[in-house]
Amino acid sequence: MSKLKYLNICAGAMGITAAFIGGTILIKGTNEASVKSFLAGSCLTLGGIGIASASLYQFKVESDIEKILSERRKAMPKACRGCRNFHGIKYQGVMLVCAIHPGGIDGDTCPDFEKFN
């Protein structure tokens, strides 16, 4: 897992914690009829929920992107990995590997391989 994913999980956990603390302050402020406690609790609760949901949503998006990229890497022919000519998009169900070898090659090495920089 990348550092960014860990940061999003930590931010989400902090947001949830802030929401719980804000909820406690909010309930206590309502019982004591203190406007300051009520406002502080409301802001902390809403802010915590916002931070938690944004962070956890970002974590989900990154996980989905990583899954898609992993599946795409697995579908890529071994000889094409790292080649700048690789296209790899399906058109009406047929994958165009590259313009030089539209259907791909049979072996493990390509004579037209150009390293992608």
C-alpha atoms as a PDB file:
ATOM      1  CA  MET A   1       0.000   0.000   0.000  1.00  0.00           C
ATOM      2  CA  SER A   2       1.282   3.457  -0.868  1.00  0.00           C
ATOM      3  CA  LYS A   3       1.987   6.242   1.622  1.00  0.00           C
ATOM      4  CA  LEU A   4      -0.920   8.246   0.224  1.00  0.00           C
ATOM      5  CA  LYS A   5      -3.341   5.426   1.028  1.00  0.00           C
ATOM      6  CA  TYR A   6      -2.083   5.295   4.620  1.00  0.00           C
ATOM      7  CA  LEU A   7      -2.463   9.065   4.897  1.00  0.00           C
ATOM      8  CA  ASN A   8      -6.038   8.861   3.624  1.00  0.00           C
ATOM      9  CA  ILE A   9      -6.857   6.122   6.138  1.00  0.00           C
ATOM     10  CA  CYS A  10      -5.310   8.180   8.968  1.00  0.00           C
ATOM     11  CA  ALA A  11      -7.166  11.326   7.879  1.00  0.00           C
ATOM     12  CA  GLY A  12     -10.397   9.348   7.721  1.00  0.00           C
ATOM     13  CA  ALA A  13      -9.815   7.978  11.230  1.00  0.00           C
ATOM     14  CA  MET A  14      -9.070  11.471  12.539  1.00  0.00           C
ATOM     15  CA  GLY A  15     -12.235  12.767  10.886  1.00  0.00           C
ATOM     16  CA  ILE A  16     -14.310  10.032  12.527  1.00  0.00           C
ATOM     17  CA  THR A  17     -12.689  10.821  15.887  1.00  0.00           C
ATOM     18  CA  ALA A  18     -13.425  14.525  15.449  1.00  0.00           C
ATOM     19  CA  ALA A  19     -17.037  13.707  14.597  1.00  0.00           C
ATOM     20  CA  PHE A  20     -17.406  11.604  17.754  1.00  0.00           C
ATOM     21  CA  ILE A  21     -15.847  14.316  19.936  1.00  0.00           C
ATOM     22  CA  GLY A  22     -18.042  16.923  18.259  1.00  0.00           C
ATOM     23  CA  GLY A  23     -21.107  14.758  18.841  1.00  0.00           C
ATOM     24  CA  THR A  24     -20.236  14.456  22.530  1.00  0.00           C
ATOM     25  CA  ILE A  25     -19.772  18.228  22.845  1.00  0.00           C
ATOM     26  CA  LEU A  26     -22.993  18.785  20.896  1.00  0.00           C
ATOM     27  CA  ILE A  27     -25.030  16.509  23.190  1.00  0.00           C
ATOM     28  CA  LYS A  28     -23.486  18.044  26.315  1.00  0.00           C
ATOM     29  CA  GLY A  29     -24.106  21.561  24.963  1.00  0.00           C
ATOM     30  CA  THR A  30     -27.745  20.726  24.273  1.00  0.00           C
ATOM     31  CA  ASN A  31     -28.213  19.417  27.821  1.00  0.00           C
ATOM     32  CA  GLU A  32     -26.629  22.489  29.390  1.00  0.00           C
ATOM     33  CA  ALA A  33     -28.237  24.912  26.914  1.00  0.00           C
ATOM     34  CA  SER A  34     -24.849  26.436  26.049  1.00  0.00           C
ATOM     35  CA  VAL A  35     -24.840  28.051  22.607  1.00  0.00           C
ATOM     36  CA  LYS A  36     -21.034  27.975  22.379  1.00  0.00           C
ATOM     37  CA  SER A  37     -20.883  24.240  23.098  1.00  0.00           C
ATOM     38  CA  PHE A  38     -23.691  23.595  20.645  1.00  0.00           C
ATOM     39  CA  LEU A  39     -21.960  25.548  17.860  1.00  0.00           C
ATOM     40  CA  ALA A  40     -18.526  24.077  18.589  1.00  0.00           C
ATOM     41  CA  GLY A  41     -19.940  20.553  18.681  1.00  0.00           C
ATOM     42  CA  SER A  42     -21.876  21.089  15.453  1.00  0.00           C
ATOM     43  CA  CYS A  43     -18.846  22.447  13.604  1.00  0.00           C
ATOM     44  CA  LEU A  44     -16.563  19.696  14.870  1.00  0.00           C
ATOM     45  CA  THR A  45     -19.092  17.010  13.976  1.00  0.00           C
ATOM     46  CA  LEU A  46     -19.735  18.331  10.462  1.00  0.00           C
ATOM     47  CA  GLY A  47     -16.044  18.990   9.813  1.00  0.00           C
ATOM     48  CA  GLY A  48     -15.085  15.522  11.055  1.00  0.00           C
ATOM     49  CA  ILE A  49     -17.697  13.874   8.861  1.00  0.00           C
ATOM     50  CA  GLY A  50     -16.506  15.899   5.860  1.00  0.00           C
ATOM     51  CA  ILE A  51     -12.848  15.011   6.397  1.00  0.00           C
ATOM     52  CA  ALA A  52     -13.633  11.342   7.013  1.00  0.00           C
ATOM     53  CA  SER A  53     -15.854  10.939   3.974  1.00  0.00           C
ATOM     54  CA  ALA A  54     -13.469  12.796   1.631  1.00  0.00           C
ATOM     55  CA  SER A  55     -10.445  10.801   2.816  1.00  0.00           C
ATOM     56  CA  LEU A  56     -12.144   7.434   2.692  1.00  0.00           C
ATOM     57  CA  TYR A  57     -13.633   8.220  -0.728  1.00  0.00           C
ATOM     58  CA  GLN A  58     -10.147   9.109  -2.013  1.00  0.00           C
ATOM     59  CA  PHE A  59      -8.860   5.792  -0.608  1.00  0.00           C
ATOM     60  CA  LYS A  60     -11.607   3.916  -2.491  1.00  0.00           C
ATOM     61  CA  VAL A  61     -10.884   5.746  -5.750  1.00  0.00           C
ATOM     62  CA  GLU A  62      -7.160   4.989  -5.508  1.00  0.00           C
ATOM     63  CA  SER A  63      -7.897   1.320  -4.777  1.00  0.00           C
ATOM     64  CA  ASP A  64     -10.188   1.120  -7.805  1.00  0.00           C
ATOM     65  CA  ILE A  65      -7.572   2.755 -10.047  1.00  0.00           C
ATOM     66  CA  GLU A  66      -4.887   0.379  -8.772  1.00  0.00           C
ATOM     67  CA  LYS A  67      -7.150  -2.606  -9.464  1.00  0.00           C
ATOM     68  CA  ILE A  68      -7.865  -1.442 -13.033  1.00  0.00           C
ATOM     69  CA  LEU A  69      -4.168  -0.820 -13.729  1.00  0.00           C
ATOM     70  CA  SER A  70      -3.259  -4.228 -12.330  1.00  0.00           C
ATOM     71  CA  GLU A  71      -5.816  -5.935 -14.578  1.00  0.00           C
ATOM     72  CA  ARG A  72      -4.551  -3.973 -17.568  1.00  0.00           C
ATOM     73  CA  ARG A  73      -0.933  -4.945 -16.820  1.00  0.00           C
ATOM     74  CA  LYS A  74      -1.927  -8.619 -16.647  1.00  0.00           C
ATOM     75  CA  ALA A  75      -3.680  -8.346 -20.042  1.00  0.00           C
ATOM     76  CA  MET A  76      -0.596  -6.778 -21.638  1.00  0.00           C
ATOM     77  CA  PRO A  77       1.503  -9.267 -23.642  1.00  0.00           C
ATOM     78  CA  LYS A  78       4.881  -9.956 -22.038  1.00  0.00           C
ATOM     79  CA  ALA A  79       6.811  -8.771 -25.100  1.00  0.00           C
ATOM     80  CA  CYS A  80       4.972  -5.422 -25.018  1.00  0.00           C
ATOM     81  CA  ARG A  81       5.690  -4.428 -21.406  1.00  0.00           C
ATOM     82  CA  GLY A  82       7.583  -1.151 -21.439  1.00  0.00           C
ATOM     83  CA  CYS A  83       7.298  -0.670 -25.218  1.00  0.00           C
ATOM     84  CA  ARG A  84       6.406   2.787 -26.466  1.00  0.00           C
ATOM     85  CA  ASN A  85       4.487   1.312 -29.417  1.00  0.00           C
ATOM     86  CA  PHE A  86       1.986  -0.546 -27.201  1.00  0.00           C
ATOM     87  CA  HIS A  87      -1.598   0.671 -27.648  1.00  0.00           C
ATOM     88  CA  GLY A  88      -3.727  -1.999 -25.949  1.00  0.00           C
ATOM     89  CA  ILE A  89      -7.230  -0.593 -26.429  1.00  0.00           C
ATOM     90  CA  LYS A  90     -10.140  -2.756 -27.528  1.00  0.00           C
ATOM     91  CA  TYR A  91     -12.193  -1.688 -30.527  1.00  0.00           C
ATOM     92  CA  GLN A  92     -15.481  -3.556 -30.868  1.00  0.00           C
ATOM     93  CA  GLY A  93     -14.077  -6.366 -28.725  1.00  0.00           C
ATOM     94  CA  VAL A  94     -10.771  -6.728 -30.611  1.00  0.00           C
ATOM     95  CA  MET A  95      -7.605  -5.426 -28.955  1.00  0.00           C
ATOM     96  CA  LEU A  96      -5.213  -3.391 -31.069  1.00  0.00           C
ATOM     97  CA  VAL A  97      -1.823  -4.273 -29.590  1.00  0.00           C
ATOM     98  CA  CYS A  98       0.173  -1.780 -31.660  1.00  0.00           C
ATOM     99  CA  ALA A  99       0.245  -0.370 -35.190  1.00  0.00           C
ATOM    100  CA  ILE A 100       3.248  -2.524 -36.136  1.00  0.00           C
ATOM    101  CA  HIS A 101       1.783  -5.794 -34.807  1.00  0.00           C
ATOM    102  CA  PRO A 102      -1.997  -5.237 -34.524  1.00  0.00           C
ATOM    103  CA  GLY A 103      -2.671  -8.766 -33.278  1.00  0.00           C
ATOM    104  CA  GLY A 104       0.475  -9.023 -31.167  1.00  0.00           C
ATOM    105  CA  ILE A 105       3.432 -11.352 -31.628  1.00  0.00           C
ATOM    106  CA  ASP A 106       3.828 -15.058 -30.861  1.00  0.00           C
ATOM    107  CA  GLY A 107       7.166 -14.971 -29.034  1.00  0.00           C
ATOM    108  CA  ASP A 108       8.473 -13.380 -25.854  1.00  0.00           C
ATOM    109  CA  THR A 109      10.535 -10.719 -27.633  1.00  0.00           C
ATOM    110  CA  CYS A 110       9.500  -8.216 -30.267  1.00  0.00           C
ATOM    111  CA  PRO A 111      11.907  -7.175 -33.049  1.00  0.00           C
ATOM    112  CA  ASP A 112      10.337  -3.687 -33.065  1.00  0.00           C
ATOM    113  CA  PHE A 113      10.501  -3.089 -29.291  1.00  0.00           C
ATOM    114  CA  GLU A 114      11.253   0.532 -28.363  1.00  0.00           C
ATOM    115  CA  LYS A 115      11.776   1.271 -24.675  1.00  0.00           C
ATOM    116  CA  PHE A 116       9.307   3.778 -23.257  1.00  0.00           C
ATOM    117  CA  ASN A 117      11.075   6.659 -21.495  1.00  0.00           C
END
